[in-house]
Amino acid sequence: MKKEHEVKPEKTPEKTKVLILGGTGEMGQWFTRFFGERGYEVTVWGKGGKVEIARKMGVPFASDLDSAISGSDIVIVSVPINVTEDTIAETAPKMKAGSLLMDFTSTKVKPVEAMKKFAPPDVEVLGTHPMFGPTIPSLRGQTVILVPVEGRSEKWFPVIRELFEEGGAHVEVTTAAEHDRLVSVVQGLTHFAYISIGTTIDRLDFDVRKSRKFVSPVYDIMLDFVGRILGQNPYLYALIQMENPSVIEVHDAFLAECKNLSEMVREHDEEGFVRKMKAASLKYGDTCHALRRSDKLINSWIVEYETILNSIGKVCGFYHVYSGKTHVGLLEKVRPDDVVLSKLVSKGTSPHIKNKYIRLKLENLHLLSETELREWRKENLEHPVRDIAVLIPSGAKPEIILGAICTNEHLAVCEISDIYTGVRNVTHPRTCKCPGETDVDKTERFGVTYRITIFGDCNADKVEKEITELLCGLGCRIREKNLPQKA
């Protein structure tokens, strides 16, 4: 018979299941990590069957795709634009009631129409466009465009919006038609212009590397943006140009303006050229803020380079953006394109590579802050440990003295390892006139052992001496060897 006071254990709530079609691609991998870090149960699938990528991310690969689709709460289509509609047509009908279908495509009219057409009425749909690439380390500060469908996004739209906003993103809500019109300029025009600059440089057989010797900050940054686009998947950028119908109108306007401006240059029509620039400036409407924002970008580039130059001869740390490795060592040389380090020995490193020189390209590096460098040293170097036992002054607090010791920048860790309160005999002359007679008092003394962990790239004996001198300066006495130890 069941007792009245017996409490039935609560059932652990199941995690929301997310299936990412194209999850083994670069953006798919990015969002696999994003959802996984937020407690979602993620499964991936990719046409190439790259199970090893799923294994590396620590998530299952959907070997039975139909079963994975019908068992998922959220299905995300993150495949090339030209196969998005077909993927939606094959996937949507298999989804369970109450689930959500999303797409991560750069166009929205066609994918949203396909989701509305092929998803059952009890399956919600949400057009989604992350306005960033897979090299971005965090969602913070990025823009995500959401295209909800009236009557088909009520349950999941607020959930997804909150998820992205809590991750630090700016969420912009719009319609599919407005998205494609705006993106035809935001992506279609800018990518087209940058790619055109790159192909023009190729046509001119121009030496970009040599031109950087005559560089201005604006030109250098522009070249980096051109190179950024040219260095990525060309099929993706071709599809962004070709799958958005609004892009053609933008191309026509761009080519007409290029031709018009070029004719003014050929005819030396200075006033016409000036009028064009002034008219564009008025339409742009935010040139002052644009100047300040671009100055901020340029100055940050200059400041980082100046900081690196001023660090020659010091221990520096650089995070390599693409390999994910951190290189720490004495900065030997700084040149326009690279830096040279004499590398430190870290845990597990063979002794023969000590003082080995390493050359790193500047454009791939992020200079570690002092805090980041300290954490790297703390985690990766072998640290000697020393104990310093002292008698502290009467009324002094061990924790206050510990705080003073911790100000030494060469210490990875500092802690109190032992505290001892004892009684010692203290003799002093009697006040009477009897020669040789003394009084004996019982005096309580406070003993503390401070354990210091010294960074492995510092001189341990020198640091220990510095700490000992500090303790003596604070009125402490080095503890005698015969002082009783704590039981």
Protein backbone atom coordinates (compact mmCIF):
# COMPACT_ATOMS: atom_id res chain seq x y z
CA MET A 1 0.00 0.00 0.00
CA LYS A 2 1.35 3.41 -0.95
CA LYS A 3 2.20 5.63 2.01
CA GLU A 4 0.64 9.08 2.07
CA HIS A 5 3.95 10.83 2.73
CA GLU A 6 5.77 9.06 -0.11
CA VAL A 7 6.91 11.53 -2.77
CA LYS A 8 7.28 10.36 -6.34
CA PRO A 9 10.60 11.57 -7.82
CA GLU A 10 10.21 14.25 -10.46
CA LYS A 11 10.99 13.25 -14.01
CA THR A 12 14.07 14.96 -15.45
CA PRO A 13 12.92 17.26 -18.27
CA GLU A 14 14.09 16.17 -21.67
CA LYS A 15 16.45 18.41 -23.62
CA THR A 16 15.21 20.15 -26.75
CA LYS A 17 16.43 18.11 -29.71
CA VAL A 18 18.01 20.00 -32.60
CA LEU A 19 18.89 18.49 -35.98
CA ILE A 20 21.20 20.52 -38.23
CA LEU A 21 21.13 19.52 -41.89
CA GLY A 22 24.54 20.58 -43.16
CA GLY A 23 25.86 20.34 -39.61
CA THR A 24 29.26 19.12 -40.79
CA GLY A 25 29.81 22.30 -42.82
CA GLU A 26 31.52 25.33 -41.33
CA MET A 27 28.37 27.24 -40.32
CA GLY A 28 26.71 24.01 -39.27
CA GLN A 29 29.63 23.26 -36.95
CA TRP A 30 29.47 26.79 -35.52
CA PHE A 31 25.80 26.42 -34.61
CA THR A 32 26.31 22.88 -33.34
CA ARG A 33 28.64 24.33 -30.72
CA PHE A 34 26.29 27.27 -30.09
CA PHE A 35 23.23 25.12 -29.36
CA GLY A 36 25.24 22.47 -27.51
CA GLU A 37 26.74 25.02 -25.12
CA ARG A 38 23.20 26.12 -24.24
CA GLY A 39 21.96 22.70 -23.23
CA TYR A 40 20.34 21.57 -26.47
CA GLU A 41 20.73 17.98 -27.65
CA VAL A 42 22.25 18.39 -31.13
CA THR A 43 22.42 15.86 -33.96
CA VAL A 44 24.06 16.66 -37.29
CA TRP A 45 23.76 15.39 -40.82
CA GLY A 46 25.73 16.17 -43.95
CA LYS A 47 25.49 14.90 -47.51
CA GLY A 48 29.17 13.93 -47.49
CA GLY A 49 28.66 11.59 -44.55
CA LYS A 50 31.55 13.08 -42.57
CA VAL A 51 30.94 11.14 -39.38
CA GLU A 52 34.42 12.03 -38.12
CA ILE A 53 33.46 15.71 -37.87
CA ALA A 54 30.44 14.84 -35.73
CA ARG A 55 32.63 12.61 -33.58
CA LYS A 56 35.15 15.42 -33.15
CA MET A 57 32.37 17.76 -31.97
CA GLY A 58 31.04 15.10 -29.61
CA VAL A 59 27.58 14.87 -31.20
CA PRO A 60 25.79 12.03 -33.04
CA PHE A 61 25.61 11.86 -36.83
CA ALA A 62 22.10 11.09 -38.14
CA SER A 63 22.67 7.74 -39.84
CA ASP A 64 18.87 7.24 -39.98
CA LEU A 65 17.90 10.68 -41.28
CA ASP A 66 14.13 10.14 -41.47
CA SER A 67 14.04 9.00 -37.84
CA ALA A 68 16.17 11.98 -36.77
CA ILE A 69 13.85 14.41 -38.58
CA SER A 70 10.67 12.99 -37.04
CA GLY A 71 12.23 12.90 -33.57
CA SER A 72 13.59 16.47 -33.50
CA ASP A 73 12.03 19.55 -31.95
CA ILE A 74 13.97 21.91 -34.21
CA VAL A 75 15.28 21.15 -37.69
CA ILE A 76 17.72 23.65 -39.20
CA VAL A 77 18.53 23.71 -42.92
CA SER A 78 22.09 24.98 -43.33
CA VAL A 79 22.96 23.84 -46.84
CA PRO A 80 24.04 25.67 -50.05
CA ILE A 81 21.46 28.14 -51.37
CA ASN A 82 20.88 26.23 -54.61
CA VAL A 83 19.77 23.05 -52.82
CA THR A 84 17.90 24.70 -49.93
CA GLU A 85 14.42 24.46 -51.50
CA ASP A 86 14.88 20.81 -52.45
CA THR A 87 16.16 19.99 -48.96
CA ILE A 88 13.13 21.72 -47.42
CA ALA A 89 10.78 19.83 -49.75
CA GLU A 90 12.31 16.48 -48.71
CA THR A 91 12.53 17.29 -44.98
CA ALA A 92 9.48 19.33 -43.97
CA PRO A 93 6.74 16.68 -44.54
CA LYS A 94 8.53 14.27 -42.14
CA MET A 95 8.57 16.63 -39.16
CA LYS A 96 6.45 16.04 -36.05
CA ALA A 97 3.62 18.26 -34.86
CA GLY A 98 4.70 21.24 -32.75
CA SER A 99 8.26 21.28 -34.06
CA LEU A 100 10.11 24.13 -35.79
CA LEU A 101 11.73 24.32 -39.23
CA MET A 102 14.41 27.00 -39.78
CA ASP A 103 16.73 27.87 -42.66
CA PHE A 104 20.10 29.68 -42.48
CA THR A 105 20.14 30.85 -46.09
CA SER A 106 21.33 34.23 -47.43
CA THR A 107 18.05 34.71 -49.34
CA LYS A 108 14.63 34.51 -47.78
CA VAL A 109 11.73 34.76 -50.27
CA LYS A 110 12.18 31.34 -51.88
CA PRO A 111 13.18 29.38 -48.72
CA VAL A 112 10.31 30.84 -46.65
CA GLU A 113 7.80 30.07 -49.41
CA ALA A 114 9.16 26.51 -49.60
CA MET A 115 8.84 26.04 -45.82
CA LYS A 116 5.26 27.35 -45.86
CA LYS A 117 4.40 25.06 -48.78
CA PHE A 118 5.97 21.76 -47.63
CA ALA A 119 5.76 21.93 -43.82
CA PRO A 120 2.57 20.46 -42.32
CA PRO A 121 0.19 23.07 -40.82
CA ASP A 122 1.11 22.01 -37.28
CA VAL A 123 4.85 22.59 -37.91
CA GLU A 124 6.09 26.13 -37.37
CA VAL A 125 8.58 27.86 -39.70
CA LEU A 126 11.08 30.67 -39.17
CA GLY A 127 13.36 32.21 -41.77
CA THR A 128 16.78 32.96 -40.27
CA HIS A 129 19.89 34.68 -41.63
CA PRO A 130 23.00 34.93 -39.42
CA MET A 131 24.89 37.97 -40.78
CA PHE A 132 28.35 36.60 -40.00
CA GLY A 133 30.70 33.84 -41.03
CA PRO A 134 32.05 30.78 -39.17
CA THR A 135 35.34 32.49 -38.26
CA ILE A 136 33.53 34.75 -35.75
CA PRO A 137 34.36 33.45 -32.25
CA SER A 138 31.17 34.61 -30.52
CA LEU A 139 27.61 35.70 -31.25
CA ARG A 140 28.15 38.81 -29.14
CA GLY A 141 27.74 41.97 -31.22
CA GLN A 142 26.62 40.10 -34.35
CA THR A 143 23.33 40.54 -36.24
CA VAL A 144 20.77 37.79 -36.82
CA ILE A 145 17.79 38.47 -39.10
CA LEU A 146 14.56 36.63 -38.33
CA VAL A 147 11.61 36.31 -40.72
CA PRO A 148 8.58 34.99 -38.81
CA VAL A 149 5.50 33.88 -40.72
CA GLU A 150 2.11 35.03 -39.50
CA GLY A 151 0.20 32.15 -37.96
CA ARG A 152 3.21 29.81 -38.30
CA SER A 153 5.78 31.15 -35.78
CA GLU A 154 3.83 31.91 -32.58
CA LYS A 155 5.36 29.28 -30.26
CA TRP A 156 8.99 29.18 -31.36
CA PHE A 157 9.71 32.73 -32.58
CA PRO A 158 10.03 34.24 -29.05
CA VAL A 159 12.12 31.27 -27.92
CA ILE A 160 14.64 31.62 -30.74
CA ARG A 161 14.74 35.40 -30.48
CA GLU A 162 15.49 35.23 -26.75
CA LEU A 163 18.14 32.56 -27.36
CA PHE A 164 20.05 34.76 -29.82
CA GLU A 165 19.63 37.92 -27.76
CA GLU A 166 20.88 36.21 -24.61
CA GLY A 167 23.93 35.18 -26.65
CA GLY A 168 24.63 38.87 -27.26
CA ALA A 169 23.27 39.19 -30.80
CA HIS A 170 21.25 42.05 -32.26
CA VAL A 171 18.08 40.50 -33.67
CA GLU A 172 16.39 42.27 -36.58
CA VAL A 173 12.86 41.18 -37.52
CA THR A 174 11.63 41.77 -41.09
CA THR A 175 9.74 40.25 -44.03
CA ALA A 176 11.25 37.95 -46.63
CA ALA A 177 10.80 40.50 -49.44
CA GLU A 178 12.38 43.36 -47.46
CA HIS A 179 15.24 41.08 -46.42
CA ASP A 180 16.13 40.19 -50.00
CA ARG A 181 15.91 43.83 -51.13
CA LEU A 182 18.19 45.09 -48.34
CA VAL A 183 20.61 42.19 -48.55
CA SER A 184 21.00 42.78 -52.31
CA VAL A 185 23.01 45.86 -51.27
CA VAL A 186 24.35 44.75 -47.87
CA GLN A 187 25.86 41.59 -49.37
CA GLY A 188 25.20 41.70 -53.12
CA LEU A 189 26.76 45.11 -53.76
CA THR A 190 29.60 44.98 -51.22
CA HIS A 191 30.73 41.48 -52.17
CA PHE A 192 30.46 42.36 -55.87
CA ALA A 193 32.56 45.51 -55.37
CA TYR A 194 35.26 43.72 -53.37
CA ILE A 195 35.41 40.79 -55.79
CA SER A 196 35.58 43.28 -58.68
CA ILE A 197 38.57 44.98 -57.03
CA GLY A 198 40.23 41.60 -56.64
CA THR A 199 39.63 40.55 -60.25
CA THR A 200 40.77 44.00 -61.45
CA ILE A 201 44.04 43.59 -59.54
CA ASP A 202 44.42 40.22 -61.24
CA ARG A 203 43.71 41.73 -64.69
CA LEU A 204 46.32 44.45 -64.08
CA ASP A 205 48.84 41.85 -62.90
CA PHE A 206 49.37 44.19 -59.95
CA ASP A 207 51.84 43.29 -57.17
CA VAL A 208 49.72 43.56 -54.02
CA ARG A 209 52.58 42.54 -51.72
CA LYS A 210 54.85 45.25 -53.10
CA SER A 211 52.06 47.85 -52.88
CA ARG A 212 51.77 47.28 -49.13
CA LYS A 213 55.18 48.95 -48.75
CA PHE A 214 53.50 52.20 -49.86
CA VAL A 215 50.44 51.52 -47.75
CA SER A 216 48.06 53.93 -46.07
CA PRO A 217 45.85 52.53 -43.25
CA VAL A 218 42.68 52.85 -45.37
CA TYR A 219 44.25 51.03 -48.33
CA ASP A 220 45.65 48.33 -46.08
CA ILE A 221 42.28 47.69 -44.42
CA MET A 222 40.52 47.71 -47.81
CA LEU A 223 42.99 45.12 -49.13
CA ASP A 224 42.31 42.96 -46.08
CA PHE A 225 38.56 43.04 -46.75
CA VAL A 226 39.13 42.15 -50.40
CA GLY A 227 41.40 39.31 -49.37
CA ARG A 228 38.89 38.18 -46.75
CA ILE A 229 36.21 37.72 -49.42
CA LEU A 230 38.53 36.20 -52.03
CA GLY A 231 39.89 33.70 -49.50
CA GLN A 232 36.51 32.15 -48.72
CA ASN A 233 34.30 29.64 -50.51
CA PRO A 234 33.79 31.07 -54.04
CA TYR A 235 30.72 28.88 -54.64
CA LEU A 236 28.98 30.48 -51.66
CA TYR A 237 29.66 33.98 -52.97
CA ALA A 238 28.59 33.03 -56.48
CA LEU A 239 25.26 31.78 -55.13
CA ILE A 240 24.74 34.93 -53.03
CA GLN A 241 25.04 36.92 -56.27
CA MET A 242 22.97 34.59 -58.42
CA GLU A 243 20.12 33.40 -56.18
CA ASN A 244 18.79 36.79 -55.06
CA PRO A 245 16.75 38.31 -57.94
CA SER A 246 17.18 41.83 -56.51
CA VAL A 247 20.93 41.70 -57.05
CA ILE A 248 20.70 42.22 -60.84
CA GLU A 249 19.07 45.62 -60.39
CA VAL A 250 21.87 46.55 -57.98
CA HIS A 251 24.52 45.42 -60.47
CA ASP A 252 22.96 47.51 -63.23
CA ALA A 253 23.01 50.63 -61.02
CA PHE A 254 26.59 49.97 -59.92
CA LEU A 255 27.90 49.44 -63.46
CA ALA A 256 26.07 52.56 -64.69
CA GLU A 257 27.65 54.66 -61.92
CA CYS A 258 31.11 53.23 -62.63
CA LYS A 259 30.74 54.10 -66.30
CA ASN A 260 29.41 57.58 -65.51
CA LEU A 261 32.24 58.41 -63.10
CA SER A 262 34.84 57.00 -65.47
CA GLU A 263 33.55 59.23 -68.29
CA MET A 264 33.84 62.29 -66.01
CA VAL A 265 37.44 61.36 -65.27
CA ARG A 266 38.24 60.91 -68.97
CA GLU A 267 36.66 64.28 -69.78
CA HIS A 268 38.29 66.03 -66.79
CA ASP A 269 34.81 67.02 -65.61
CA GLU A 270 35.92 68.06 -62.13
CA GLU A 271 32.70 69.88 -61.24
CA GLY A 272 30.56 66.95 -62.37
CA PHE A 273 32.65 64.56 -60.27
CA VAL A 274 32.38 66.86 -57.23
CA ARG A 275 28.62 67.15 -57.64
CA LYS A 276 28.32 63.37 -57.74
CA MET A 277 30.33 62.99 -54.54
CA LYS A 278 28.35 65.71 -52.74
CA ALA A 279 25.02 64.20 -53.79
CA ALA A 280 26.12 60.77 -52.59
CA SER A 281 27.31 62.31 -49.32
CA LEU A 282 23.90 63.88 -48.71
CA LYS A 283 22.14 60.59 -49.46
CA TYR A 284 24.57 58.70 -47.22
CA GLY A 285 23.68 61.13 -44.44
CA ASP A 286 26.11 59.86 -41.79
CA THR A 287 29.57 60.73 -43.06
CA CYS A 288 30.72 62.32 -39.79
CA HIS A 289 29.89 59.21 -37.78
CA ALA A 290 31.37 57.04 -40.53
CA LEU A 291 34.62 59.01 -40.28
CA ARG A 292 34.77 58.52 -36.52
CA ARG A 293 33.95 54.82 -36.74
CA SER A 294 36.56 54.25 -39.45
CA ASP A 295 39.10 56.29 -37.43
CA LYS A 296 38.38 54.02 -34.48
CA LEU A 297 39.02 50.96 -36.65
CA ILE A 298 42.23 52.43 -38.07
CA ASN A 299 43.46 53.60 -34.67
CA SER A 300 42.84 50.20 -33.08
CA TRP A 301 44.94 48.65 -35.84
CA ILE A 302 47.71 51.22 -35.21
CA VAL A 303 47.54 50.90 -31.41
CA GLU A 304 47.90 47.10 -31.48
CA TYR A 305 50.91 47.37 -33.79
CA GLU A 306 52.47 50.05 -31.55
CA THR A 307 51.87 47.86 -28.49
CA ILE A 308 53.63 44.97 -30.19
CA LEU A 309 56.55 47.21 -31.20
CA ASN A 310 56.92 48.45 -27.62
CA SER A 311 57.00 44.86 -26.36
CA ILE A 312 60.28 43.92 -28.06
CA GLY A 313 62.53 42.30 -25.47
CA LYS A 314 59.57 41.30 -23.28
CA VAL A 315 57.67 38.03 -22.87
CA CYS A 316 54.54 38.18 -25.06
CA GLY A 317 51.74 35.82 -25.96
CA PHE A 318 50.01 35.53 -29.34
CA TYR A 319 46.88 33.54 -30.09
CA HIS A 320 46.93 32.15 -33.64
CA VAL A 321 43.39 32.68 -34.94
CA TYR A 322 43.33 29.81 -37.46
CA SER A 323 45.31 27.07 -35.70
CA GLY A 324 43.88 27.88 -32.28
CA LYS A 325 47.34 27.60 -30.73
CA THR A 326 48.90 30.07 -28.31
CA HIS A 327 52.57 30.98 -28.75
CA VAL A 328 54.40 32.56 -25.82
CA GLY A 329 57.99 33.69 -25.78
CA LEU A 330 60.47 36.52 -25.77
CA LEU A 331 59.60 38.93 -28.57
CA GLU A 332 62.80 39.26 -30.60
CA LYS A 333 61.73 41.12 -33.77
CA VAL A 334 58.70 42.92 -35.19
CA ARG A 335 58.38 43.53 -38.92
CA PRO A 336 55.47 44.84 -41.01
CA ASP A 337 54.25 41.32 -41.78
CA ASP A 338 55.47 39.11 -38.95
CA VAL A 339 57.01 38.73 -35.51
CA VAL A 340 59.82 36.51 -34.23
CA LEU A 341 59.65 34.83 -30.82
CA SER A 342 62.18 32.75 -28.93
CA LYS A 343 59.74 30.24 -27.54
CA LEU A 344 59.38 29.29 -23.89
CA VAL A 345 59.26 25.68 -22.74
CA SER A 346 55.80 24.61 -21.60
CA LYS A 347 54.53 21.44 -19.97
CA GLY A 348 55.26 18.35 -22.01
CA THR A 349 57.66 20.14 -24.35
CA SER A 350 60.96 18.48 -25.17
CA PRO A 351 63.96 20.33 -23.66
CA HIS A 352 65.78 20.51 -27.02
CA ILE A 353 63.33 23.10 -28.39
CA LYS A 354 64.18 25.59 -25.63
CA ASN A 355 65.06 28.98 -27.11
CA LYS A 356 63.85 27.82 -30.53
CA TYR A 357 62.87 30.74 -32.74
CA ILE A 358 59.43 30.87 -34.28
CA ARG A 359 58.17 33.28 -36.95
CA LEU A 360 54.47 34.17 -37.04
CA LYS A 361 52.44 36.23 -39.52
CA LEU A 362 50.91 39.28 -37.86
CA GLU A 363 47.58 39.11 -39.66
CA ASN A 364 46.87 35.71 -38.07
CA LEU A 365 47.61 36.81 -34.50
CA HIS A 366 45.79 38.22 -31.51
CA LEU A 367 48.07 39.77 -28.88
CA LEU A 368 47.24 38.38 -25.45
CA SER A 369 46.41 40.89 -22.74
CA GLU A 370 48.42 40.84 -19.50
CA THR A 371 45.64 38.86 -17.82
CA GLU A 372 45.43 36.34 -20.67
CA LEU A 373 49.21 35.94 -20.70
CA ARG A 374 49.30 35.41 -16.93
CA GLU A 375 46.63 32.69 -17.18
CA TRP A 376 48.55 30.95 -19.97
CA ARG A 377 51.77 30.98 -17.92
CA LYS A 378 49.88 29.70 -14.89
CA GLU A 379 48.40 26.75 -16.78
CA ASN A 380 51.32 25.79 -19.03
CA LEU A 381 54.61 26.31 -17.17
CA GLU A 382 56.19 24.12 -14.48
CA HIS A 383 56.22 26.16 -11.27
CA PRO A 384 58.62 25.73 -8.32
CA VAL A 385 56.99 25.83 -4.87
CA ARG A 386 58.67 27.29 -1.77
CA ASP A 387 57.52 27.44 1.88
CA ILE A 388 58.51 30.41 4.03
CA ALA A 389 57.77 30.00 7.76
CA VAL A 390 57.66 33.17 9.87
CA LEU A 391 56.65 34.50 13.27
CA ILE A 392 54.31 37.41 12.67
CA PRO A 393 54.07 40.48 14.93
CA SER A 394 51.61 40.48 17.81
CA GLY A 395 48.18 41.59 16.63
CA ALA A 396 49.01 41.09 12.93
CA LYS A 397 46.59 39.19 10.70
CA PRO A 398 48.01 36.41 8.48
CA GLU A 399 45.51 37.20 5.67
CA ILE A 400 46.59 40.85 5.49
CA ILE A 401 50.23 39.81 5.18
CA LEU A 402 49.19 37.27 2.52
CA GLY A 403 47.61 40.09 0.51
CA ALA A 404 50.90 42.01 0.57
CA ILE A 405 52.80 38.94 -0.67
CA CYS A 406 50.31 38.41 -3.53
CA THR A 407 51.25 41.78 -5.02
CA ASN A 408 54.46 40.20 -6.33
CA GLU A 409 53.90 39.76 -10.09
CA HIS A 410 56.20 36.72 -10.25
CA LEU A 411 53.87 34.53 -8.17
CA ALA A 412 51.35 32.22 -9.82
CA VAL A 413 49.76 31.27 -6.48
CA CYS A 414 50.26 32.33 -2.87
CA GLU A 415 48.51 30.72 0.08
CA ILE A 416 48.75 29.99 3.79
CA SER A 417 49.72 26.37 4.25
CA ASP A 418 50.11 26.28 8.03
CA ILE A 419 49.27 28.38 11.09
CA TYR A 420 50.75 27.64 14.52
CA THR A 421 50.01 29.31 17.85
CA GLY A 422 52.62 28.42 20.47
CA VAL A 423 54.12 29.56 23.76
CA ARG A 424 57.80 30.40 24.18
CA ASN A 425 59.88 31.34 27.25
CA VAL A 426 61.14 34.91 27.07
CA THR A 427 63.74 36.01 29.66
CA HIS A 428 64.56 39.56 30.67
CA PRO A 429 66.69 41.08 33.54
CA ARG A 430 65.03 41.58 36.94
CA THR A 431 64.50 45.12 38.14
CA CYS A 432 66.10 44.29 41.53
CA LYS A 433 69.73 44.91 42.28
CA CYS A 434 70.60 41.20 42.62
CA PRO A 435 73.16 40.61 39.86
CA GLY A 436 72.51 37.82 37.34
CA GLU A 437 68.88 37.24 38.30
CA THR A 438 66.19 37.24 35.58
CA ASP A 439 62.45 36.88 35.19
CA VAL A 440 60.92 34.27 32.84
CA ASP A 441 57.62 35.08 31.04
CA LYS A 442 55.41 32.81 28.99
CA THR A 443 54.79 34.70 25.69
CA GLU A 444 52.36 33.55 22.96
CA ARG A 445 53.82 33.68 19.43
CA PHE A 446 51.95 33.28 16.11
CA GLY A 447 53.67 31.21 13.42
CA VAL A 448 52.55 31.12 9.79
CA THR A 449 53.89 29.23 6.78
CA TYR A 450 53.32 30.95 3.46
CA ARG A 451 53.48 28.69 0.41
CA ILE A 452 54.48 30.55 -2.76
CA THR A 453 54.21 29.10 -6.27
CA ILE A 454 56.66 30.94 -8.52
CA PHE A 455 56.14 31.27 -12.27
CA GLY A 456 58.35 28.77 -14.08
CA ASP A 457 59.98 31.43 -16.26
CA CYS A 458 61.23 33.42 -13.23
CA ASN A 459 64.33 33.02 -11.03
CA ALA A 460 62.86 31.14 -8.06
CA ASP A 461 65.72 31.91 -5.63
CA LYS A 462 65.52 35.62 -6.41
CA VAL A 463 61.73 35.71 -5.95
CA GLU A 464 61.94 33.79 -2.66
CA LYS A 465 64.50 36.32 -1.43
CA GLU A 466 62.20 39.21 -2.41
CA ILE A 467 59.29 37.68 -0.47
CA THR A 468 61.49 36.98 2.56
CA GLU A 469 62.72 40.58 2.61
CA LEU A 470 59.11 41.80 2.34
CA LEU A 471 58.05 39.67 5.30
CA CYS A 472 60.95 40.94 7.40
CA GLY A 473 60.06 44.49 6.42
CA LEU A 474 56.52 43.89 7.71
CA GLY A 475 57.95 42.93 11.13
CA CYS A 476 57.95 39.16 10.67
CA ARG A 477 60.81 36.93 11.79
CA ILE A 478 61.96 33.82 9.96
CA ARG A 479 60.81 30.91 12.05
CA GLU A 480 63.50 28.97 13.91
CA LYS A 481 63.93 25.34 12.95
CA ASN A 482 63.32 24.09 16.49
CA LEU A 483 59.93 25.83 16.77
CA PRO A 484 57.30 23.09 17.34
CA GLN A 485 55.34 22.17 14.23
CA LYS A 486 51.59 21.89 14.00
CA ALA A 487 50.36 18.45 14.99
